[in-house]
Protein backbone atom coordinates (compact mmCIF):
# COMPACT_ATOMS: atom_id res chain seq x y z
CA MET A 1 -118.15 -71.93 -159.59
CA ASN A 2 -116.17 -71.54 -162.80
CA ALA A 3 -113.13 -73.51 -163.85
CA GLN A 4 -110.28 -71.96 -165.80
CA GLU A 5 -111.47 -70.60 -169.11
CA GLY A 6 -109.90 -71.82 -172.31
CA VAL A 7 -108.74 -75.26 -171.12
CA THR A 8 -108.84 -77.78 -173.96
CA LEU A 9 -108.22 -81.51 -174.19
CA GLU A 10 -106.42 -82.77 -177.28
CA PHE A 11 -107.13 -86.46 -177.72
CA ALA A 12 -104.86 -88.95 -179.48
CA ASP A 13 -107.58 -89.61 -182.07
CA VAL A 14 -111.26 -88.99 -182.74
CA GLU A 15 -112.12 -92.48 -181.48
CA SER A 16 -110.76 -91.63 -178.03
CA LEU A 17 -112.87 -88.48 -177.90
CA GLN A 18 -115.91 -90.52 -178.93
CA ASP A 19 -115.10 -92.92 -176.09
CA LEU A 20 -115.61 -90.07 -173.65
CA ALA A 21 -118.89 -89.16 -175.33
CA THR A 22 -120.13 -92.75 -175.13
CA PHE A 23 -119.07 -92.99 -171.49
CA ALA A 24 -120.94 -89.80 -170.64
CA ARG A 25 -124.06 -90.96 -172.49
CA ARG A 26 -124.12 -94.30 -170.69
CA ALA A 27 -123.47 -92.66 -167.33
CA ARG A 28 -126.42 -90.32 -167.91
CA SER A 29 -128.65 -93.37 -168.42
CA LEU A 30 -127.87 -94.22 -164.79
CA MET A 31 -127.86 -90.70 -163.34
CA ASP A 32 -129.19 -88.03 -165.70
CA GLN A 33 -128.20 -85.18 -163.38
CA GLY A 34 -124.82 -86.72 -162.59
CA SER A 35 -121.33 -85.41 -163.17
CA VAL A 36 -117.96 -86.61 -164.40
CA ARG A 37 -114.58 -85.94 -162.84
CA LEU A 38 -111.89 -85.26 -165.44
CA GLN A 39 -108.30 -85.80 -164.32
CA THR A 40 -105.15 -85.68 -166.41
CA ASN A 41 -102.02 -87.65 -165.59
CA GLY A 42 -99.31 -87.38 -168.20
CA GLY A 43 -100.76 -88.49 -171.52
CA VAL A 44 -103.92 -90.00 -170.04
CA LEU A 45 -107.35 -88.60 -169.23
CA ALA A 46 -109.15 -90.39 -166.38
CA ALA A 47 -112.91 -89.90 -166.42
CA TRP A 48 -114.74 -90.83 -163.21
CA VAL A 49 -118.48 -91.12 -162.57
CA CYS A 50 -120.45 -92.07 -159.48
CA VAL A 51 -122.99 -94.83 -160.05
CA LEU A 52 -124.00 -95.17 -156.37
CA PRO A 53 -123.12 -92.47 -153.79
CA GLY A 54 -122.59 -94.65 -150.73
CA ARG A 55 -123.36 -93.78 -147.11
CA GLY A 56 -121.70 -91.91 -144.27
CA LEU A 57 -118.42 -90.03 -144.11
CA VAL A 58 -116.41 -92.92 -145.54
CA GLY A 59 -118.82 -93.52 -148.41
CA SER A 60 -119.59 -97.14 -147.54
CA GLY A 61 -121.22 -98.74 -150.58
CA VAL A 62 -120.02 -96.13 -153.07
CA VAL A 63 -119.63 -97.42 -156.63
CA LEU A 64 -117.47 -95.47 -159.08
CA GLY A 65 -116.85 -96.05 -162.77
CA LEU A 66 -113.50 -95.18 -164.39
CA ARG A 67 -112.65 -94.96 -168.09
CA THR A 68 -109.30 -93.76 -169.43
CA MET A 69 -108.43 -92.23 -172.81
CA PRO A 70 -105.06 -91.27 -174.34
CA LEU A 71 -104.25 -87.57 -174.71
CA ILE A 72 -101.73 -85.73 -176.84
CA ALA A 73 -101.87 -82.52 -174.86
CA LEU A 74 -103.72 -80.39 -172.33
CA ARG A 75 -103.97 -76.81 -173.54
CA GLY A 76 -104.46 -73.83 -171.28
CA ALA A 77 -103.35 -75.51 -168.04
CA GLN A 78 -100.58 -77.72 -166.72
CA THR A 79 -102.93 -80.19 -165.06
CA LEU A 80 -106.65 -80.77 -164.88
CA ASP A 81 -108.86 -82.02 -162.06
CA ALA A 82 -112.38 -80.74 -162.62
CA THR A 83 -115.83 -82.20 -161.98
CA VAL A 84 -118.38 -81.05 -164.55
CA PRO A 85 -121.99 -81.97 -165.36
CA LEU A 86 -122.40 -84.97 -167.65
CA SER A 87 -124.91 -82.90 -169.59
CA ALA A 88 -122.17 -80.37 -170.43
CA ILE A 89 -120.11 -83.08 -172.13
CA SER A 90 -123.17 -84.31 -174.01
CA ASP A 91 -124.01 -80.76 -175.13
CA ARG A 92 -120.50 -80.26 -176.51
CA MET A 93 -120.63 -83.54 -178.40
CA ALA A 94 -124.03 -82.67 -179.85
CA ARG A 95 -122.65 -79.33 -180.99
CA ARG A 96 -119.72 -81.10 -182.66
CA ALA A 97 -122.10 -83.39 -184.52
CA SER A 98 -124.31 -80.53 -185.67
CA THR A 99 -121.35 -78.56 -187.07
CA GLY A 100 -119.51 -81.54 -188.56
CA ASP A 101 -116.50 -81.01 -186.29
CA THR A 102 -114.10 -83.96 -186.70
CA SER A 103 -111.17 -82.52 -184.75
CA THR A 104 -109.58 -84.20 -181.73
CA LEU A 105 -110.12 -81.13 -179.51
CA LEU A 106 -112.67 -80.75 -176.74
CA SER A 107 -112.97 -77.65 -174.58
CA VAL A 108 -113.46 -78.38 -170.89
CA PRO A 109 -116.86 -77.09 -169.72
CA PRO A 110 -116.35 -73.92 -167.63
CA MET A 111 -118.97 -74.79 -165.02
CA VAL A 112 -117.70 -77.14 -162.31
CA VAL A 113 -119.69 -78.79 -159.54
CA SER A 114 -118.85 -80.03 -156.05
CA GLU A 115 -119.60 -83.71 -155.42
CA PRO A 116 -118.95 -85.51 -152.09
CA TRP A 117 -117.79 -88.67 -153.87
CA THR A 118 -114.77 -86.88 -155.37
CA ALA A 119 -113.25 -86.79 -151.87
CA LEU A 120 -113.11 -90.60 -151.94
CA THR A 121 -109.87 -91.38 -153.76
CA PRO A 122 -109.08 -95.04 -154.52
CA ALA A 123 -105.49 -96.25 -154.30
CA ARG A 124 -103.34 -95.95 -157.41
CA SER A 125 -101.06 -98.83 -156.45
CA GLY A 126 -100.87 -101.82 -154.13
CA TRP A 127 -103.72 -103.72 -155.76
CA GLU A 128 -103.72 -107.45 -155.02
CA PRO A 129 -105.57 -109.88 -157.32
CA LEU A 130 -108.55 -111.71 -155.80
CA GLY A 131 -109.59 -113.77 -158.81
CA GLN A 132 -112.15 -113.50 -161.58
CA VAL A 133 -115.93 -113.26 -161.93
CA ASP A 134 -118.00 -114.17 -164.97
CA ALA A 135 -119.31 -111.06 -166.72
CA ASP A 136 -122.55 -112.95 -167.38
CA GLU A 137 -123.14 -113.16 -163.62
CA LEU A 138 -122.71 -109.42 -163.17
CA LEU A 139 -125.00 -108.63 -166.10
CA SER A 140 -127.65 -111.01 -164.78
CA VAL A 141 -127.49 -109.42 -161.32
CA ALA A 142 -127.91 -105.97 -162.88
CA LYS A 143 -130.96 -106.95 -164.96
CA ASP A 144 -132.60 -108.70 -162.02
CA GLY A 145 -131.96 -105.70 -159.78
CA ILE A 146 -133.38 -103.23 -162.29
CA ALA A 147 -136.53 -105.37 -162.62
CA GLU A 148 -136.89 -105.71 -158.84
CA ILE A 149 -136.64 -101.95 -158.33
CA ALA A 150 -139.13 -101.27 -161.13
CA GLN A 151 -141.64 -103.66 -159.56
CA GLY A 152 -141.02 -102.57 -155.98
CA ALA A 153 -141.15 -98.82 -156.64
CA PRO A 154 -144.34 -98.12 -158.61
CA GLU A 155 -145.14 -94.67 -159.93
CA GLY A 156 -145.77 -92.25 -157.08
CA SER A 157 -143.43 -93.92 -154.62
CA GLY A 158 -141.69 -91.43 -152.35
CA ALA A 159 -138.03 -90.59 -152.81
CA LEU A 160 -137.12 -92.08 -149.43
CA ALA A 161 -138.83 -95.38 -150.25
CA VAL A 162 -137.18 -95.59 -153.64
CA GLY A 163 -133.79 -94.71 -152.15
CA ALA A 164 -134.13 -97.38 -149.46
CA LEU A 165 -135.09 -99.99 -152.04
CA ARG A 166 -132.18 -99.09 -154.30
CA GLU A 167 -129.76 -99.22 -151.37
CA ARG A 168 -131.07 -102.64 -150.35
CA VAL A 169 -130.98 -104.12 -153.87
CA TRP A 170 -127.60 -102.78 -154.97
CA GLY A 171 -125.91 -103.28 -151.62
CA ARG A 172 -126.54 -107.01 -151.32
CA PRO A 173 -123.70 -109.46 -152.06
CA ALA A 174 -123.77 -110.83 -155.58
CA ALA A 175 -121.32 -112.43 -158.02
CA GLY A 176 -118.02 -113.36 -156.41
CA GLY A 177 -118.98 -111.50 -153.24
CA LEU A 178 -119.06 -108.18 -155.09
CA PRO A 179 -122.03 -105.94 -154.24
CA ALA A 180 -124.81 -105.97 -156.79
CA GLY A 181 -124.07 -102.31 -157.51
CA VAL A 182 -120.92 -103.40 -159.33
CA GLY A 183 -123.17 -105.32 -161.69
CA LEU A 184 -125.29 -102.20 -162.24
CA ALA A 185 -122.18 -100.23 -163.18
CA ALA A 186 -120.85 -103.00 -165.42
CA TYR A 187 -124.17 -103.19 -167.26
CA GLY A 188 -125.07 -99.51 -167.40
CA LEU A 189 -121.60 -98.27 -168.38
CA GLY A 190 -121.06 -101.06 -170.91
CA PHE A 191 -117.93 -102.33 -169.14
CA ALA A 192 -118.83 -106.03 -169.17
CA ARG A 193 -119.52 -108.16 -172.23
CA PRO A 194 -121.15 -111.60 -172.26
CA GLY A 195 -118.67 -114.47 -172.09
CA GLU A 196 -115.84 -112.37 -170.66
CA GLN A 197 -114.07 -112.63 -167.34
CA VAL A 198 -113.87 -109.69 -164.94
CA ASN A 199 -110.65 -109.37 -162.93
CA VAL A 200 -111.11 -108.45 -159.27
CA PHE A 201 -108.50 -106.68 -157.11
CA ARG A 202 -108.28 -105.34 -153.56
CA ALA A 203 -106.35 -102.43 -151.99
CA GLY A 204 -107.19 -101.38 -148.45
CA PRO A 205 -110.94 -100.75 -148.18
CA TRP A 206 -111.34 -100.62 -151.97
CA THR A 207 -112.29 -103.40 -154.36
CA ARG A 208 -111.81 -103.01 -158.12
CA ALA A 209 -113.48 -104.95 -160.92
CA SER A 210 -111.60 -104.45 -164.20
CA THR A 211 -112.29 -105.28 -167.82
CA PRO A 212 -110.56 -104.14 -171.03
CA VAL A 213 -113.22 -101.39 -171.25
CA GLY A 214 -113.01 -99.84 -167.81
CA HIS A 215 -112.85 -100.20 -164.03
CA ILE A 216 -115.50 -100.28 -161.30
CA LEU A 217 -114.40 -99.35 -157.78
CA THR A 218 -116.30 -99.84 -154.56
CA ARG A 219 -115.71 -99.76 -150.80
């Protein structure tokens, strides 16, 4: 399925465009065949990725990562809401590097994908603060979980066994009552830094863990 041809994002500066590239690279370290949802709202680009898909129709246990970047303009369309392969963003950034392109423009990949998690839309308002969690706790939970999965799923393990182990490890309560999957997202996406505090909010079925770098949402 093809998106509109010729749609281009004009970022506020090169650093903001590089932020998207870094976000895509880190997300691919968690899900190489994953995708990113690109949404524009005024002068802001919201980039969403799914770290854990969740279960059932309501996506219980889903973990999403959100990073925002400032935009100057969206060319070729009035609004944008497209989900594209992470690899397509990486390919465009690699092409920029190979040609020495230092502009603030990035064409939106024409190939879009359909992902069930994009139907799960967190609230935009009504968030109530729940407190703070030490980033060090989340990072520790992530590293322990990665090690546990590596030890418990040796080479040759079936996909079902690995999936069940991942669901068990990342679904268990961890720092501040947040599921361990929030720690995985904080670590893998580079959202949490040692010594920092992570602000936690709640709106309806959704919980949000926020840092100056980005947001992690789960339900």
